C-alpha atoms as a PDB file:
ATOM      1  CA  UNK A   1      75.998  96.377 165.524  1.00  0.00           C
ATOM      2  CA  UNK A   2      77.255  96.033 161.985  1.00  0.00           C
ATOM      3  CA  UNK A   3      74.182  94.197 160.662  1.00  0.00           C
ATOM      4  CA  UNK A   4      70.481  94.593 161.271  1.00  0.00           C
ATOM      5  CA  UNK A   5      69.621  92.751 164.449  1.00  0.00           C
ATOM      6  CA  UNK A   6      66.583  93.472 166.581  1.00  0.00           C
ATOM      7  CA  UNK A   7      67.785  93.273 170.126  1.00  0.00           C
ATOM      8  CA  UNK A   8      66.137  91.052 172.699  1.00  0.00           C
ATOM      9  CA  UNK A   9      64.774  92.124 176.048  1.00  0.00           C
ATOM     10  CA  UNK A  10      66.721  90.338 178.762  1.00  0.00           C
ATOM     11  CA  UNK A  11      65.309  90.342 182.280  1.00  0.00           C
ATOM     12  CA  UNK A  12      67.363  88.915 185.122  1.00  0.00           C
ATOM     13  CA  UNK A  13      66.585  88.703 188.827  1.00  0.00           C
ATOM     14  CA  UNK A  14      68.668  87.760 191.819  1.00  0.00           C
ATOM     15  CA  UNK A  15      72.464  87.647 191.899  1.00  0.00           C
ATOM     16  CA  UNK A  16      74.667  88.352 188.921  1.00  0.00           C
ATOM     17  CA  UNK A  17      75.120  84.981 187.300  1.00  0.00           C
ATOM     18  CA  UNK A  18      75.002  83.131 184.026  1.00  0.00           C
ATOM     19  CA  UNK A  19      71.287  82.354 184.032  1.00  0.00           C
ATOM     20  CA  UNK A  20      68.437  84.368 182.596  1.00  0.00           C
ATOM     21  CA  UNK A  21      65.469  84.311 184.943  1.00  0.00           C
ATOM     22  CA  UNK A  22      61.883  84.642 183.797  1.00  0.00           C
ATOM     23  CA  UNK A  23      59.556  87.112 185.475  1.00  0.00           C
ATOM     24  CA  UNK A  24      57.622  84.236 187.014  1.00  0.00           C
ATOM     25  CA  UNK A  25      60.730  83.204 188.955  1.00  0.00           C
ATOM     26  CA  UNK A  26      60.312  86.215 191.253  1.00  0.00           C
ATOM     27  CA  UNK A  27      58.831  85.249 194.606  1.00  0.00           C
ATOM     28  CA  UNK A  28      56.831  88.313 195.554  1.00  0.00           C
ATOM     29  CA  UNK A  29      56.543  87.330 199.210  1.00  0.00           C
ATOM     30  CA  UNK A  30      60.257  86.694 199.690  1.00  0.00           C
ATOM     31  CA  UNK A  31      62.184  89.657 201.104  1.00  0.00           C
ATOM     32  CA  UNK A  32      65.893  90.133 200.544  1.00  0.00           C
ATOM     33  CA  UNK A  33      68.116  89.223 203.451  1.00  0.00           C
ATOM     34  CA  UNK A  34      70.857  91.706 202.608  1.00  0.00           C
ATOM     35  CA  UNK A  35      69.220  95.101 202.404  1.00  0.00           C
ATOM     36  CA  UNK A  36      72.132  96.987 200.893  1.00  0.00           C
ATOM     37  CA  UNK A  37      72.543  94.922 197.733  1.00  0.00           C
ATOM     38  CA  UNK A  38      71.948  97.305 194.818  1.00  0.00           C
ATOM     39  CA  UNK A  39      69.810  96.906 191.713  1.00  0.00           C
ATOM     40  CA  UNK A  40      71.252  97.424 188.237  1.00  0.00           C
ATOM     41  CA  UNK A  41      69.639  98.608 185.013  1.00  0.00           C
ATOM     42  CA  UNK A  42      71.691  98.800 181.812  1.00  0.00           C
ATOM     43  CA  UNK A  43      70.093 100.317 178.701  1.00  0.00           C
ATOM     44  CA  UNK A  44      72.038  99.882 175.462  1.00  0.00           C
ATOM     45  CA  UNK A  45      70.958 101.929 172.438  1.00  0.00           C
ATOM     46  CA  UNK A  46      71.910 100.918 168.894  1.00  0.00           C
ATOM     47  CA  UNK A  47      73.662 103.271 166.438  1.00  0.00           C
ATOM     48  CA  UNK A  48      73.026 106.332 168.597  1.00  0.00           C
ATOM     49  CA  UNK A  49      75.321 109.281 167.917  1.00  0.00           C
ATOM     50  CA  UNK A  50      77.269 111.164 170.571  1.00  0.00           C
ATOM     51  CA  UNK A  51      75.546 114.331 169.395  1.00  0.00           C
ATOM     52  CA  UNK A  52      72.050 112.814 169.580  1.00  0.00           C
ATOM     53  CA  UNK A  53      71.757 113.870 173.218  1.00  0.00           C
ATOM     54  CA  UNK A  54      71.096 117.475 174.084  1.00  0.00           C
ATOM     55  CA  UNK A  55      73.301 117.021 177.146  1.00  0.00           C
ATOM     56  CA  UNK A  56      76.233 116.515 174.759  1.00  0.00           C
ATOM     57  CA  UNK A  57      75.267 118.732 171.827  1.00  0.00           C
ATOM     58  CA  UNK A  58      73.217 121.872 172.398  1.00  0.00           C
ATOM     59  CA  UNK A  59      71.688 121.769 168.903  1.00  0.00           C
ATOM     60  CA  UNK A  60      69.783 118.591 169.829  1.00  0.00           C
ATOM     61  CA  UNK A  61      66.353 119.334 171.303  1.00  0.00           C
ATOM     62  CA  UNK A  62      64.741 115.892 171.227  1.00  0.00           C
ATOM     63  CA  UNK A  63      65.993 114.178 174.405  1.00  0.00           C
ATOM     64  CA  UNK A  64      64.576 115.965 177.486  1.00  0.00           C
ATOM     65  CA  UNK A  65      64.467 112.811 179.611  1.00  0.00           C
ATOM     66  CA  UNK A  66      68.035 111.775 178.844  1.00  0.00           C
ATOM     67  CA  UNK A  67      69.172 115.366 179.374  1.00  0.00           C
ATOM     68  CA  UNK A  68      67.459 115.365 182.769  1.00  0.00           C
ATOM     69  CA  UNK A  69      69.178 112.095 183.613  1.00  0.00           C
ATOM     70  CA  UNK A  70      72.517 113.699 182.721  1.00  0.00           C
ATOM     71  CA  UNK A  71      71.702 116.701 184.918  1.00  0.00           C
ATOM     72  CA  UNK A  72      70.929 114.402 187.842  1.00  0.00           C
ATOM     73  CA  UNK A  73      73.855 112.043 187.242  1.00  0.00           C
ATOM     74  CA  UNK A  74      77.165 111.729 185.406  1.00  0.00           C
ATOM     75  CA  UNK A  75      77.844 111.872 181.659  1.00  0.00           C
ATOM     76  CA  UNK A  76      81.065 110.612 180.098  1.00  0.00           C
ATOM     77  CA  UNK A  77      82.704 113.548 177.876  1.00  0.00           C
ATOM     78  CA  UNK A  78      64.558 108.108 156.175  1.00  0.00           C
ATOM     79  CA  UNK A  79      63.249 105.239 154.492  1.00  0.00           C
ATOM     80  CA  UNK A  80      64.567 101.735 154.285  1.00  0.00           C
ATOM     81  CA  UNK A  81      63.660  98.619 152.388  1.00  0.00           C
ATOM     82  CA  UNK A  82      62.725  96.744 155.583  1.00  0.00           C
ATOM     83  CA  UNK A  83      59.008  97.038 156.193  1.00  0.00           C
ATOM     84  CA  UNK A  84      58.525  93.742 157.989  1.00  0.00           C
ATOM     85  CA  UNK A  85      61.251  91.672 159.619  1.00  0.00           C
ATOM     86  CA  UNK A  86      60.694  87.972 160.273  1.00  0.00           C
ATOM     87  CA  UNK A  87      62.896  88.029 163.365  1.00  0.00           C
ATOM     88  CA  UNK A  88      61.696  86.842 166.770  1.00  0.00           C
ATOM     89  CA  UNK A  89      61.352  88.943 169.912  1.00  0.00           C
ATOM     90  CA  UNK A  90      62.826  87.236 172.955  1.00  0.00           C
ATOM     91  CA  UNK A  91      62.093  87.558 176.636  1.00  0.00           C
ATOM     92  CA  UNK A  92      65.068  85.790 178.165  1.00  0.00           C
ATOM     93  CA  UNK A  93      65.185  82.579 176.092  1.00  0.00           C
ATOM     94  CA  UNK A  94      61.490  82.500 175.195  1.00  0.00           C
ATOM     95  CA  UNK A  95      60.211  83.727 171.820  1.00  0.00           C
ATOM     96  CA  UNK A  96      57.213  85.913 172.629  1.00  0.00           C
ATOM     97  CA  UNK A  97      56.554  87.291 169.146  1.00  0.00           C
ATOM     98  CA  UNK A  98      57.526  86.348 165.582  1.00  0.00           C
ATOM     99  CA  UNK A  99      57.666  88.267 163.379  1.00  0.00           C
ATOM    100  CA  UNK A 100      58.150  91.155 165.731  1.00  0.00           C
ATOM    101  CA  UNK A 101      55.662  94.029 165.584  1.00  0.00           C
ATOM    102  CA  UNK A 102      58.029  96.946 165.057  1.00  0.00           C
ATOM    103  CA  UNK A 103      55.378  99.620 165.555  1.00  0.00           C
ATOM    104  CA  UNK A 104      54.677  98.427 169.085  1.00  0.00           C
ATOM    105  CA  UNK A 105      58.219  97.582 170.118  1.00  0.00           C
ATOM    106  CA  UNK A 106      58.942 100.718 172.167  1.00  0.00           C
ATOM    107  CA  UNK A 107      55.700 100.370 174.113  1.00  0.00           C
ATOM    108  CA  UNK A 108      56.388  96.662 174.661  1.00  0.00           C
ATOM    109  CA  UNK A 109      59.859  97.396 176.017  1.00  0.00           C
ATOM    110  CA  UNK A 110      58.562 100.107 178.337  1.00  0.00           C
ATOM    111  CA  UNK A 111      55.673  97.995 179.625  1.00  0.00           C
ATOM    112  CA  UNK A 112      57.742  94.879 180.304  1.00  0.00           C
ATOM    113  CA  UNK A 113      60.607  96.826 181.877  1.00  0.00           C
ATOM    114  CA  UNK A 114      58.418  98.860 184.234  1.00  0.00           C
ATOM    115  CA  UNK A 115      56.404  95.784 185.240  1.00  0.00           C
ATOM    116  CA  UNK A 116      59.607  93.923 186.006  1.00  0.00           C
ATOM    117  CA  UNK A 117      61.009  96.781 188.116  1.00  0.00           C
ATOM    118  CA  UNK A 118      57.739  97.006 190.056  1.00  0.00           C
ATOM    119  CA  UNK A 119      57.551  93.278 190.761  1.00  0.00           C
ATOM    120  CA  UNK A 120      61.226  92.999 191.620  1.00  0.00           C
ATOM    121  CA  UNK A 121      60.967  95.949 194.001  1.00  0.00           C
ATOM    122  CA  UNK A 122      57.951  94.432 195.731  1.00  0.00           C
ATOM    123  CA  UNK A 123      59.813  91.143 196.147  1.00  0.00           C
ATOM    124  CA  UNK A 124      62.624  92.891 198.015  1.00  0.00           C
ATOM    125  CA  UNK A 125      65.241  90.962 196.019  1.00  0.00           C
ATOM    126  CA  UNK A 126      68.076  92.722 194.165  1.00  0.00           C
ATOM    127  CA  UNK A 127      67.625  92.640 190.397  1.00  0.00           C
ATOM    128  CA  UNK A 128      69.444  93.222 187.132  1.00  0.00           C
ATOM    129  CA  UNK A 129      67.619  94.474 184.039  1.00  0.00           C
ATOM    130  CA  UNK A 130      69.382  94.602 180.690  1.00  0.00           C
ATOM    131  CA  UNK A 131      67.422  96.393 177.991  1.00  0.00           C
ATOM    132  CA  UNK A 132      69.013  96.291 174.535  1.00  0.00           C
ATOM    133  CA  UNK A 133      67.013  98.648 172.346  1.00  0.00           C
ATOM    134  CA  UNK A 134      66.259  98.420 168.643  1.00  0.00           C
ATOM    135  CA  UNK A 135      66.506 102.232 168.638  1.00  0.00           C
ATOM    136  CA  UNK A 136      68.254 103.911 166.801  1.00  0.00           C
ATOM    137  CA  UNK A 137      68.974 101.224 164.215  1.00  0.00           C
ATOM    138  CA  UNK A 138      67.068 101.086 160.935  1.00  0.00           C
ATOM    139  CA  UNK A 139      64.283 100.382 160.178  1.00  0.00           C
ATOM    140  CA  UNK A 140      62.878 103.371 162.039  1.00  0.00           C
ATOM    141  CA  UNK A 141      59.242 102.395 162.551  1.00  0.00           C
ATOM    142  CA  UNK A 142      57.070 104.679 164.665  1.00  0.00           C
ATOM    143  CA  UNK A 143      54.112 103.733 166.825  1.00  0.00           C
ATOM    144  CA  UNK A 144      52.216 106.806 165.624  1.00  0.00           C
ATOM    145  CA  UNK A 145      52.026 107.748 161.918  1.00  0.00           C
ATOM    146  CA  UNK A 146      53.586 111.106 160.989  1.00  0.00           C
ATOM    147  CA  UNK A 147      51.261 114.088 161.168  1.00  0.00           C
ATOM    148  CA  UNK A 148      51.678 116.593 158.347  1.00  0.00           C
ATOM    149  CA  UNK A 149      53.915 119.607 158.865  1.00  0.00           C
ATOM    150  CA  UNK A 150      54.694 118.939 162.540  1.00  0.00           C
ATOM    151  CA  UNK A 151      56.536 115.705 161.729  1.00  0.00           C
ATOM    152  CA  UNK A 152      60.261 116.250 162.560  1.00  0.00           C
ATOM    153  CA  UNK A 153      61.480 113.454 160.293  1.00  0.00           C
ATOM    154  CA  UNK A 154      61.870 109.726 160.960  1.00  0.00           C
ATOM    155  CA  UNK A 155      65.131 109.894 162.889  1.00  0.00           C
ATOM    156  CA  UNK A 156      64.192 112.710 165.256  1.00  0.00           C
ATOM    157  CA  UNK A 157      60.783 111.138 165.820  1.00  0.00           C
ATOM    158  CA  UNK A 158      62.428 107.814 166.709  1.00  0.00           C
ATOM    159  CA  UNK A 159      64.891 109.629 168.953  1.00  0.00           C
ATOM    160  CA  UNK A 160      61.990 111.220 170.830  1.00  0.00           C
ATOM    161  CA  UNK A 161      60.351 107.812 171.143  1.00  0.00           C
ATOM    162  CA  UNK A 162      63.528 106.321 172.631  1.00  0.00           C
ATOM    163  CA  UNK A 163      63.884 109.260 174.999  1.00  0.00           C
ATOM    164  CA  UNK A 164      60.315 108.798 176.217  1.00  0.00           C
ATOM    165  CA  UNK A 165      60.955 105.078 176.741  1.00  0.00           C
ATOM    166  CA  UNK A 166      64.022 105.772 178.898  1.00  0.00           C
ATOM    167  CA  UNK A 167      62.040 108.442 180.728  1.00  0.00           C
ATOM    168  CA  UNK A 168      59.356 105.921 181.695  1.00  0.00           C
ATOM    169  CA  UNK A 169      61.962 103.546 183.080  1.00  0.00           C
ATOM    170  CA  UNK A 170      63.679 106.309 185.051  1.00  0.00           C
ATOM    171  CA  UNK A 171      60.337 107.458 186.463  1.00  0.00           C
ATOM    172  CA  UNK A 172      59.626 103.909 187.620  1.00  0.00           C
ATOM    173  CA  UNK A 173      63.058 103.702 189.248  1.00  0.00           C
ATOM    174  CA  UNK A 174      62.454 107.022 191.006  1.00  0.00           C
ATOM    175  CA  UNK A 175      59.212 105.676 192.409  1.00  0.00           C
ATOM    176  CA  UNK A 176      60.560 102.276 193.479  1.00  0.00           C
ATOM    177  CA  UNK A 177      63.743 103.069 195.382  1.00  0.00           C
ATOM    178  CA  UNK A 178      66.159 105.171 193.357  1.00  0.00           C
ATOM    179  CA  UNK A 179      68.571 105.307 196.295  1.00  0.00           C
ATOM    180  CA  UNK A 180      69.402 101.640 195.716  1.00  0.00           C
ATOM    181  CA  UNK A 181      69.239 101.400 191.917  1.00  0.00           C
ATOM    182  CA  UNK A 182      72.031 102.143 189.449  1.00  0.00           C
ATOM    183  CA  UNK A 183      70.805 103.119 185.957  1.00  0.00           C
ATOM    184  CA  UNK A 184      73.377 103.135 183.137  1.00  0.00           C
ATOM    185  CA  UNK A 185      72.541 104.305 179.595  1.00  0.00           C
ATOM    186  CA  UNK A 186      74.975 104.010 176.697  1.00  0.00           C
ATOM    187  CA  UNK A 187      75.309 102.946 173.038  1.00  0.00           C
ATOM    188  CA  UNK A 188      77.094 100.242 171.072  1.00  0.00           C
ATOM    189  CA  UNK A 189      78.708 102.460 168.425  1.00  0.00           C
ATOM    190  CA  UNK A 190      78.212 105.666 166.487  1.00  0.00           C
ATOM    191  CA  UNK A 191      75.566 106.348 163.832  1.00  0.00           C
ATOM    192  CA  UNK A 192      75.398 104.606 160.470  1.00  0.00           C
ATOM    193  CA  UNK A 193      76.486 107.449 158.199  1.00  0.00           C
ATOM    194  CA  UNK A 194      75.542 105.644 154.967  1.00  0.00           C
ATOM    195  CA  UNK A 195      71.882 105.896 155.976  1.00  0.00           C
ATOM    196  CA  UNK A 196      71.997 109.674 155.472  1.00  0.00           C
ATOM    197  CA  UNK A 197      68.832 111.224 156.921  1.00  0.00           C
ATOM    198  CA  UNK A 198      68.242 108.019 158.898  1.00  0.00           C
ATOM    199  CA  UNK A 199      71.566 108.372 160.730  1.00  0.00           C
ATOM    200  CA  UNK A 200      72.325 110.162 163.967  1.00  0.00           C
ATOM    201  CA  UNK A 201      74.458 113.114 164.952  1.00  0.00           C
ATOM    202  CA  UNK A 202      78.173 112.670 165.632  1.00  0.00           C
ATOM    203  CA  UNK A 203      78.477 116.105 167.193  1.00  0.00           C
ATOM    204  CA  UNK A 204      81.949 117.584 166.653  1.00  0.00           C
ATOM    205  CA  UNK A 205      83.575 114.289 165.638  1.00  0.00           C
ATOM    206  CA  UNK A 206      83.439 114.674 161.871  1.00  0.00           C
ATOM    207  CA  UNK A 207      86.453 116.383 160.354  1.00  0.00           C
ATOM    208  CA  UNK A 208      87.727 116.681 156.787  1.00  0.00           C
ATOM    209  CA  UNK A 209      90.405 114.043 157.362  1.00  0.00           C
ATOM    210  CA  UNK A 210      87.861 111.422 158.384  1.00  0.00           C
ATOM    211  CA  UNK A 211      85.456 112.184 155.539  1.00  0.00           C
ATOM    212  CA  UNK A 212      88.103 112.291 152.808  1.00  0.00           C
ATOM    213  CA  UNK A 213      90.643 109.666 153.843  1.00  0.00           C
ATOM    214  CA  UNK A 214      88.690 107.310 156.058  1.00  0.00           C
ATOM    215  CA  UNK A 215      85.574 107.096 153.909  1.00  0.00           C
ATOM    216  CA  UNK A 216      83.323 108.038 156.830  1.00  0.00           C
ATOM    217  CA  UNK A 217      83.576 109.291 160.386  1.00  0.00           C
ATOM    218  CA  UNK A 218      80.952 107.081 161.939  1.00  0.00           C
ATOM    219  CA  UNK A 219      79.957 103.465 162.520  1.00  0.00           C
ATOM    220  CA  UNK A 220      82.242 100.813 161.018  1.00  0.00           C
ATOM    221  CA  UNK A 221      85.236 103.131 161.381  1.00  0.00           C
ATOM    222  CA  UNK A 222      87.854 103.716 164.048  1.00  0.00           C
ATOM    223  CA  UNK A 223      87.311 107.487 164.077  1.00  0.00           C
ATOM    224  CA  UNK A 224      85.863 109.111 167.183  1.00  0.00           C
ATOM    225  CA  UNK A 225      82.415 109.418 165.598  1.00  0.00           C
ATOM    226  CA  UNK A 226      82.303 105.638 165.374  1.00  0.00           C
ATOM    227  CA  UNK A 227      83.744 104.859 168.797  1.00  0.00           C
ATOM    228  CA  UNK A 228      82.575 107.690 171.041  1.00  0.00           C
ATOM    229  CA  UNK A 229      79.046 107.093 172.322  1.00  0.00           C
ATOM    230  CA  UNK A 230      76.799 108.728 174.925  1.00  0.00           C
ATOM    231  CA  UNK A 231      77.176 107.400 178.467  1.00  0.00           C
ATOM    232  CA  UNK A 232      74.955 108.448 181.374  1.00  0.00           C
ATOM    233  CA  UNK A 233      75.179 107.056 184.910  1.00  0.00           C
ATOM    234  CA  UNK A 234      72.362 107.727 187.389  1.00  0.00           C
ATOM    235  CA  UNK A 235      72.299 106.770 191.050  1.00  0.00           C
ATOM    236  CA  UNK A 236      71.062 109.528 193.387  1.00  0.00           C
ATOM    237  CA  UNK A 237      73.096 109.778 196.561  1.00  0.00           C
ATOM    238  CA  UNK A 238      75.967 107.731 195.129  1.00  0.00           C
ATOM    239  CA  UNK A 239      76.834 109.276 191.754  1.00  0.00           C
ATOM    240  CA  UNK A 240      77.307 113.079 191.859  1.00  0.00           C
ATOM    241  CA  UNK A 241      74.751 115.098 189.899  1.00  0.00           C
ATOM    242  CA  UNK A 242      75.419 117.251 186.843  1.00  0.00           C
ATOM    243  CA  UNK A 243      79.007 116.082 186.414  1.00  0.00           C
ATOM    244  CA  UNK A 244      80.813 115.359 183.153  1.00  0.00           C
ATOM    245  CA  UNK A 245      83.762 113.000 183.504  1.00  0.00           C
ATOM    246  CA  UNK A 246      86.789 113.295 181.230  1.00  0.00           C
ATOM    247  CA  UNK A 247      88.097 109.859 182.217  1.00  0.00           C
ATOM    248  CA  UNK A 248      88.608 107.454 179.320  1.00  0.00           C
ATOM    249  CA  UNK A 249      86.076 104.655 179.803  1.00  0.00           C
ATOM    250  CA  UNK A 250      84.838 101.721 177.731  1.00  0.00           C
ATOM    251  CA  UNK A 251      81.652  99.676 177.500  1.00  0.00           C
ATOM    252  CA  UNK A 252      83.830  96.718 178.523  1.00  0.00           C
ATOM    253  CA  UNK A 253      83.917  98.351 181.974  1.00  0.00           C
ATOM    254  CA  UNK A 254      80.218  97.736 182.593  1.00  0.00           C
ATOM    255  CA  UNK A 255      80.483  94.066 183.554  1.00  0.00           C
ATOM    256  CA  UNK A 256      83.470  94.333 185.971  1.00  0.00           C
ATOM    257  CA  UNK A 257      81.936  97.425 187.576  1.00  0.00           C
ATOM    258  CA  UNK A 258      78.558  95.823 188.235  1.00  0.00           C
ATOM    259  CA  UNK A 259      80.193  92.657 189.547  1.00  0.00           C
ATOM    260  CA  UNK A 260      82.236  94.744 191.979  1.00  0.00           C
ATOM    261  CA  UNK A 261      79.229  96.763 193.150  1.00  0.00           C
ATOM    262  CA  UNK A 262      77.323  93.515 193.693  1.00  0.00           C
ATOM    263  CA  UNK A 263      80.214  92.386 195.922  1.00  0.00           C
ATOM    264  CA  UNK A 264      80.806  89.389 193.692  1.00  0.00           C
ATOM    265  CA  UNK A 265      84.051  88.172 192.093  1.00  0.00           C
ATOM    266  CA  UNK A 266      85.102  87.783 188.480  1.00  0.00           C
ATOM    267  CA  UNK A 267      86.034  84.254 187.347  1.00  0.00           C
ATOM    268  CA  UNK A 268      89.753  83.815 188.155  1.00  0.00           C
ATOM    269  CA  UNK A 269      90.525  81.873 184.970  1.00  0.00           C
ATOM    270  CA  UNK A 270      89.247  84.543 182.592  1.00  0.00           C
ATOM    271  CA  UNK A 271      90.862  87.706 181.264  1.00  0.00           C
ATOM    272  CA  UNK A 272      88.671  90.809 181.067  1.00  0.00           C
ATOM    273  CA  UNK A 273      89.492  93.922 179.041  1.00  0.00           C
ATOM    274  CA  UNK A 274      87.306  96.151 181.191  1.00  0.00           C
ATOM    275  CA  UNK A 275      87.941  97.549 184.660  1.00  0.00           C
ATOM    276  CA  UNK A 276      85.939  98.412 187.745  1.00  0.00           C
ATOM    277  CA  UNK A 277      85.295 102.145 187.288  1.00  0.00           C
ATOM    278  CA  UNK A 278      83.053 102.657 190.323  1.00  0.00           C
ATOM    279  CA  UNK A 279      85.505 105.140 191.896  1.00  0.00           C
ATOM    280  CA  UNK A 280      85.230 107.309 188.780  1.00  0.00           C
ATOM    281  CA  UNK A 281      81.443 107.085 188.821  1.00  0.00           C
ATOM    282  CA  UNK A 282      81.349 108.055 192.493  1.00  0.00           C
ATOM    283  CA  UNK A 283      83.613 111.052 191.882  1.00  0.00           C
ATOM    284  CA  UNK A 284      86.521 109.585 193.853  1.00  0.00           C
ATOM    285  CA  UNK A 285      88.910 109.332 190.897  1.00  0.00           C
ATOM    286  CA  UNK A 286      89.471 110.774 187.433  1.00  0.00           C
ATOM    287  CA  UNK A 287      91.872 108.097 186.206  1.00  0.00           C
ATOM    288  CA  UNK A 288      90.361 106.042 183.405  1.00  0.00           C
ATOM    289  CA  UNK A 289      92.105 103.762 180.928  1.00  0.00           C
ATOM    290  CA  UNK A 290      95.587 104.775 179.836  1.00  0.00           C
ATOM    291  CA  UNK A 291      95.442 102.340 176.920  1.00  0.00           C
ATOM    292  CA  UNK A 292      92.517 101.017 174.880  1.00  0.00           C
ATOM    293  CA  UNK A 293      92.725  98.484 172.059  1.00  0.00           C
ATOM    294  CA  UNK A 294      90.121  98.321 169.308  1.00  0.00           C
ATOM    295  CA  UNK A 295      90.269  94.818 167.771  1.00  0.00           C
ATOM    296  CA  UNK A 296      88.668  94.153 164.406  1.00  0.00           C
ATOM    297  CA  UNK A 297      85.299  92.426 164.352  1.00  0.00           C
ATOM    298  CA  UNK A 298      85.778  91.289 160.758  1.00  0.00           C
ATOM    299  CA  UNK A 299      83.604  94.035 159.272  1.00  0.00           C
ATOM    300  CA  UNK A 300      86.532  96.053 157.902  1.00  0.00           C
ATOM    301  CA  UNK A 301      89.509  93.703 157.857  1.00  0.00           C
ATOM    302  CA  UNK A 302      90.772  90.492 159.405  1.00  0.00           C
ATOM    303  CA  UNK A 303      88.948  89.413 162.534  1.00  0.00           C
ATOM    304  CA  UNK A 304      91.034  89.965 165.660  1.00  0.00           C
ATOM    305  CA  UNK A 305      93.589  92.345 164.215  1.00  0.00           C
ATOM    306  CA  UNK A 306      94.084  95.704 165.914  1.00  0.00           C
ATOM    307  CA  UNK A 307      92.224  98.504 164.124  1.00  0.00           C
ATOM    308  CA  UNK A 308      93.205 101.302 166.479  1.00  0.00           C
ATOM    309  CA  UNK A 309      95.157 101.828 169.668  1.00  0.00           C
ATOM    310  CA  UNK A 310      94.434 104.620 172.128  1.00  0.00           C
ATOM    311  CA  UNK A 311      97.324 105.730 174.357  1.00  0.00           C
ATOM    312  CA  UNK A 312      96.373 108.584 176.695  1.00  0.00           C
ATOM    313  CA  UNK A 313      95.379 111.497 174.423  1.00  0.00           C
ATOM    314  CA  UNK A 314      96.904 109.863 171.321  1.00  0.00           C
ATOM    315  CA  UNK A 315      95.362 107.393 168.909  1.00  0.00           C
ATOM    316  CA  UNK A 316      97.108 105.238 166.304  1.00  0.00           C
ATOM    317  CA  UNK A 317      95.085 104.027 163.316  1.00  0.00           C
ATOM    318  CA  UNK A 318      95.916 100.756 161.584  1.00  0.00           C
ATOM    319  CA  UNK A 319      92.597 100.458 159.734  1.00  0.00           C
ATOM    320  CA  UNK A 320      90.370 103.500 159.427  1.00  0.00           C
ATOM    321  CA  UNK A 321      87.147 101.892 158.292  1.00  0.00           C
ATOM    322  CA  UNK A 322      85.458 100.038 155.451  1.00  0.00           C
ATOM    323  CA  UNK A 323      87.725 101.803 152.966  1.00  0.00           C
ATOM    324  CA  UNK A 324      91.469 102.060 153.272  1.00  0.00           C
ATOM    325  CA  UNK A 325      92.925 105.526 153.664  1.00  0.00           C
ATOM    326  CA  UNK A 326      94.003 107.145 150.380  1.00  0.00           C
ATOM    327  CA  UNK A 327      97.295 108.069 152.005  1.00  0.00           C
ATOM    328  CA  UNK A 328      98.738 105.878 154.789  1.00  0.00           C
ATOM    329  CA  UNK A 329      98.395 107.643 158.130  1.00  0.00           C
ATOM    330  CA  UNK A 330     101.835 107.433 159.687  1.00  0.00           C
ATOM    331  CA  UNK A 331     103.581 109.887 161.948  1.00  0.00           C
ATOM    332  CA  UNK A 332     107.286 109.907 161.149  1.00  0.00           C
ATOM    333  CA  UNK A 333     109.633 109.811 164.106  1.00  0.00           C
ATOM    334  CA  UNK A 334     111.501 112.842 162.797  1.00  0.00           C
ATOM    335  CA  UNK A 335     108.308 114.881 162.718  1.00  0.00           C
ATOM    336  CA  UNK A 336     107.356 113.739 166.197  1.00  0.00           C
ATOM    337  CA  UNK A 337     110.831 114.488 167.543  1.00  0.00           C
ATOM    338  CA  UNK A 338     110.651 118.058 166.308  1.00  0.00           C
ATOM    339  CA  UNK A 339     107.594 118.671 168.428  1.00  0.00           C
ATOM    340  CA  UNK A 340     108.937 117.463 171.761  1.00  0.00           C
ATOM    341  CA  UNK A 341     111.092 114.827 173.374  1.00  0.00           C
ATOM    342  CA  UNK A 342     108.007 113.361 174.924  1.00  0.00           C
ATOM    343  CA  UNK A 343     106.308 112.808 171.602  1.00  0.00           C
ATOM    344  CA  UNK A 344     109.494 111.353 170.138  1.00  0.00           C
ATOM    345  CA  UNK A 345     109.030 108.129 172.080  1.00  0.00           C
ATOM    346  CA  UNK A 346     105.338 107.786 171.242  1.00  0.00           C
ATOM    347  CA  UNK A 347     105.679 105.517 168.161  1.00  0.00           C
ATOM    348  CA  UNK A 348     107.804 103.042 170.127  1.00  0.00           C
ATOM    349  CA  UNK A 349     105.285 103.064 172.965  1.00  0.00           C
ATOM    350  CA  UNK A 350     102.491 102.343 170.523  1.00  0.00           C
ATOM    351  CA  UNK A 351     104.434  99.495 168.923  1.00  0.00           C
ATOM    352  CA  UNK A 352     105.232  98.012 172.332  1.00  0.00           C
ATOM    353  CA  UNK A 353     101.599  98.142 173.445  1.00  0.00           C
ATOM    354  CA  UNK A 354     100.440  96.545 170.197  1.00  0.00           C
ATOM    355  CA  UNK A 355     103.028  93.742 170.441  1.00  0.00           C
ATOM    356  CA  UNK A 356     102.058  92.991 174.042  1.00  0.00           C
ATOM    357  CA  UNK A 357      98.407  92.764 173.050  1.00  0.00           C
END
């Protein structure tokens, strides 16, 4: 997210709906009547870079659990002034701590999540767990104080802490019925480059053009380092292992996909940008989005305006980031036409898509 916001832990049980259920709502003695209804776990990391995972970027050595999850599933191709934050920690709609104890947050997440999975599994009812992490957003506060020369730095230490947290949840899933539980890990956007040593790794998505003309290549920009995030899907027996998909996907696909897998229906009077991508996850298709729009959130321009438009392997930039490009990025039709007849019609296609949006 564009501002500091400690995410809440949301625990839901039963069917996919608009209500947040408390843990006490689980009836342990009640068994599910439809045995094949799956469970869903979605873990959303904050400000994590595409290159923060060793599965994506070989130089990274701090994410063994996430790398193992990628090997068993599918992957889609510091100091700060805050020392104490007077924000509340929510469990569903209940404030359970205020101000939040940042040093114990990772352990709290892991404990609550694993307890919920255990109780939900014992109840026999299908469940949905959404875990929105504070990692890897600043402030990076560790449960254990740094120890002399072995300390890898605040960001890498926090990355290891997040990896261990995800590892605990995956281990619990493996022990409570992994054949019927879909675990999805992803991020909200790229790293916050202005935080320097407190920011993550964008991998290969940081070229001279982005740094010089866009102001940055990461969060708060439309460059790939800001938009491309890690995505791991784990469901043994359903999602093929050790596969990297090249299909163009979006985080907006999560909701329609889970609704479809739950054999529910989307509201007919609503328009959804995302799509059901279960066939891609199950290895039955490689066709992702042909077009993706990136509307402005208001952080770097007028709210609602198109910042970037992705069309197949091409991307048109209307706003590059917090700072305007020094030289307008426009591809002249004459230049495009010289390359190929196919590229000659690209600008018109982009304009048409933008107008229809």
